[in-house]
Amino acid sequence: MITEQQARVAYKQACEALGVPAHEDIVVQGGAAWPAGPVLCEDFEDRGIYAIVWDGGSYWSNGDNVTEWWSVATDAAGRAAGVYAEPFNHWSVALYPA
């Protein structure tokens, strides 16, 4: 598993590349309501991994943009040291050790 610091760097790089603000808080599935737009999720899908999850906003509602957000987020997040990023499903990009 990557470290929290690596996950934060990857997430911020993805948000910057997407032109959206990064949230400071890390969210947990099943926890409180998430803010719109991309969030950094800890223990995603109970798999012990971090993921960038887009729940709401223009990319979420417009299926035409799914490939675009995947491509941009995966490329940007994957530039963080020690991080490998890949699309997990239509609304998330998983972060793994490189």
C-alpha atoms as a PDB file:
ATOM      1  CA  MET A   1       0.000   0.000   0.000  1.00  0.00           C
ATOM      2  CA  ILE A   2       1.224   3.504  -0.723  1.00  0.00           C
ATOM      3  CA  THR A   3       1.631   5.987   2.109  1.00  0.00           C
ATOM      4  CA  GLU A   4      -0.890   8.695   2.920  1.00  0.00           C
ATOM      5  CA  GLN A   5       1.644  11.305   1.775  1.00  0.00           C
ATOM      6  CA  GLN A   6       2.068   9.577  -1.608  1.00  0.00           C
ATOM      7  CA  ALA A   7      -1.714   9.369  -1.988  1.00  0.00           C
ATOM      8  CA  ARG A   8      -2.120  13.067  -1.180  1.00  0.00           C
ATOM      9  CA  VAL A   9       0.552  14.061  -3.714  1.00  0.00           C
ATOM     10  CA  ALA A  10      -1.024  11.884  -6.420  1.00  0.00           C
ATOM     11  CA  TYR A  11      -4.502  13.255  -5.638  1.00  0.00           C
ATOM     12  CA  LYS A  12      -3.362  16.889  -5.707  1.00  0.00           C
ATOM     13  CA  GLN A  13      -1.539  16.344  -9.002  1.00  0.00           C
ATOM     14  CA  ALA A  14      -4.671  14.800 -10.517  1.00  0.00           C
ATOM     15  CA  CYS A  15      -6.873  17.664  -9.292  1.00  0.00           C
ATOM     16  CA  GLU A  16      -4.443  20.232 -10.657  1.00  0.00           C
ATOM     17  CA  ALA A  17      -4.392  18.500 -14.055  1.00  0.00           C
ATOM     18  CA  LEU A  18      -8.206  18.336 -14.065  1.00  0.00           C
ATOM     19  CA  GLY A  19      -8.476  22.016 -13.107  1.00  0.00           C
ATOM     20  CA  VAL A  20     -10.519  21.354  -9.975  1.00  0.00           C
ATOM     21  CA  PRO A  21      -9.845  22.155  -6.314  1.00  0.00           C
ATOM     22  CA  ALA A  22      -8.436  19.417  -4.079  1.00  0.00           C
ATOM     23  CA  HIS A  23     -10.179  18.756  -0.773  1.00  0.00           C
ATOM     24  CA  GLU A  24      -7.990  18.506   2.325  1.00  0.00           C
ATOM     25  CA  ASP A  25      -9.925  15.728   4.036  1.00  0.00           C
ATOM     26  CA  ILE A  26      -9.564  12.073   3.150  1.00  0.00           C
ATOM     27  CA  VAL A  27     -12.956  10.389   2.955  1.00  0.00           C
ATOM     28  CA  VAL A  28     -13.987   6.917   4.044  1.00  0.00           C
ATOM     29  CA  GLN A  29     -16.634   4.893   2.228  1.00  0.00           C
ATOM     30  CA  GLY A  30     -19.765   4.585   4.298  1.00  0.00           C
ATOM     31  CA  GLY A  31     -18.846   7.711   6.275  1.00  0.00           C
ATOM     32  CA  ALA A  32     -20.333  11.191   6.123  1.00  0.00           C
ATOM     33  CA  ALA A  33     -21.550  12.678   2.842  1.00  0.00           C
ATOM     34  CA  TRP A  34     -18.754  13.413   0.393  1.00  0.00           C
ATOM     35  CA  PRO A  35     -18.147  16.771  -1.218  1.00  0.00           C
ATOM     36  CA  ALA A  36     -18.836  17.020  -4.965  1.00  0.00           C
ATOM     37  CA  GLY A  37     -15.971  16.490  -7.333  1.00  0.00           C
ATOM     38  CA  PRO A  38     -12.935  14.293  -6.877  1.00  0.00           C
ATOM     39  CA  VAL A  39     -12.047  13.141  -3.362  1.00  0.00           C
ATOM     40  CA  LEU A  40      -9.253  11.021  -1.952  1.00  0.00           C
ATOM     41  CA  CYS A  41     -10.741   7.875  -0.442  1.00  0.00           C
ATOM     42  CA  GLU A  42      -8.965   5.657   2.075  1.00  0.00           C
ATOM     43  CA  ASP A  43      -9.539   1.872   2.178  1.00  0.00           C
ATOM     44  CA  PHE A  44     -11.466   2.087  -1.087  1.00  0.00           C
ATOM     45  CA  GLU A  45     -13.891  -0.798  -1.637  1.00  0.00           C
ATOM     46  CA  ASP A  46     -12.490  -2.403   1.560  1.00  0.00           C
ATOM     47  CA  ARG A  47      -9.324  -3.253  -0.375  1.00  0.00           C
ATOM     48  CA  GLY A  48      -6.827  -1.337   1.739  1.00  0.00           C
ATOM     49  CA  ILE A  49      -5.972   1.050  -1.104  1.00  0.00           C
ATOM     50  CA  TYR A  50      -6.357   4.739  -1.757  1.00  0.00           C
ATOM     51  CA  ALA A  51      -8.404   5.918  -4.725  1.00  0.00           C
ATOM     52  CA  ILE A  52      -9.391   9.166  -6.355  1.00  0.00           C
ATOM     53  CA  VAL A  53     -13.184   9.011  -6.487  1.00  0.00           C
ATOM     54  CA  TRP A  54     -15.382  11.383  -8.463  1.00  0.00           C
ATOM     55  CA  ASP A  55     -18.848  11.475  -6.931  1.00  0.00           C
ATOM     56  CA  GLY A  56     -20.801  14.336  -8.429  1.00  0.00           C
ATOM     57  CA  GLY A  57     -20.042  17.274 -10.670  1.00  0.00           C
ATOM     58  CA  SER A  58     -19.608  17.549 -14.437  1.00  0.00           C
ATOM     59  CA  TYR A  59     -17.524  14.427 -14.977  1.00  0.00           C
ATOM     60  CA  TRP A  60     -19.908  12.299 -12.933  1.00  0.00           C
ATOM     61  CA  SER A  61     -23.093  13.443 -14.670  1.00  0.00           C
ATOM     62  CA  ASN A  62     -21.742  13.496 -18.219  1.00  0.00           C
ATOM     63  CA  GLY A  63     -20.769   9.998 -19.327  1.00  0.00           C
ATOM     64  CA  ASP A  64     -18.993  11.447 -22.372  1.00  0.00           C
ATOM     65  CA  ASN A  65     -16.247  12.769 -20.093  1.00  0.00           C
ATOM     66  CA  VAL A  66     -15.464   9.499 -18.281  1.00  0.00           C
ATOM     67  CA  THR A  67     -12.574   8.512 -20.542  1.00  0.00           C
ATOM     68  CA  GLU A  68     -11.194  12.041 -20.397  1.00  0.00           C
ATOM     69  CA  TRP A  69     -11.172  12.219 -16.592  1.00  0.00           C
ATOM     70  CA  TRP A  70      -9.724   8.720 -16.309  1.00  0.00           C
ATOM     71  CA  SER A  71      -6.931   9.559 -18.716  1.00  0.00           C
ATOM     72  CA  VAL A  72      -6.036  12.897 -17.144  1.00  0.00           C
ATOM     73  CA  ALA A  73      -6.297  11.685 -13.526  1.00  0.00           C
ATOM     74  CA  THR A  74      -4.429   8.436 -14.158  1.00  0.00           C
ATOM     75  CA  ASP A  75      -1.586  10.159 -15.995  1.00  0.00           C
ATOM     76  CA  ALA A  76      -1.197  12.949 -13.419  1.00  0.00           C
ATOM     77  CA  ALA A  77      -1.526  10.723 -10.345  1.00  0.00           C
ATOM     78  CA  GLY A  78       0.911   8.223 -11.813  1.00  0.00           C
ATOM     79  CA  ARG A  79       3.641  10.878 -11.894  1.00  0.00           C
ATOM     80  CA  ALA A  80       3.812  10.923  -8.083  1.00  0.00           C
ATOM     81  CA  ALA A  81       6.909   9.123  -6.816  1.00  0.00           C
ATOM     82  CA  GLY A  82       6.236   5.468  -6.057  1.00  0.00           C
ATOM     83  CA  VAL A  83       2.620   5.535  -7.285  1.00  0.00           C
ATOM     84  CA  TYR A  84       0.959   3.504 -10.030  1.00  0.00           C
ATOM     85  CA  ALA A  85      -2.532   4.711 -10.956  1.00  0.00           C
ATOM     86  CA  GLU A  86      -5.167   2.894 -12.999  1.00  0.00           C
ATOM     87  CA  PRO A  87      -8.906   3.268 -13.612  1.00  0.00           C
ATOM     88  CA  PHE A  88     -10.856   1.065 -11.190  1.00  0.00           C
ATOM     89  CA  ASN A  89     -14.372   1.710 -12.477  1.00  0.00           C
ATOM     90  CA  HIS A  90     -16.202   4.587 -14.193  1.00  0.00           C
ATOM     91  CA  TRP A  91     -15.994   6.786 -11.114  1.00  0.00           C
ATOM     92  CA  SER A  92     -12.611   5.998  -9.561  1.00  0.00           C
ATOM     93  CA  VAL A  93      -8.879   5.720 -10.161  1.00  0.00           C
ATOM     94  CA  ALA A  94      -7.041   3.330  -7.823  1.00  0.00           C
ATOM     95  CA  LEU A  95      -3.588   4.165  -6.437  1.00  0.00           C
ATOM     96  CA  TYR A  96      -1.061   1.339  -5.941  1.00  0.00           C
ATOM     97  CA  PRO A  97       2.671   1.065  -5.205  1.00  0.00           C
ATOM     98  CA  ALA A  98       4.713   1.467  -8.381  1.00  0.00           C
END
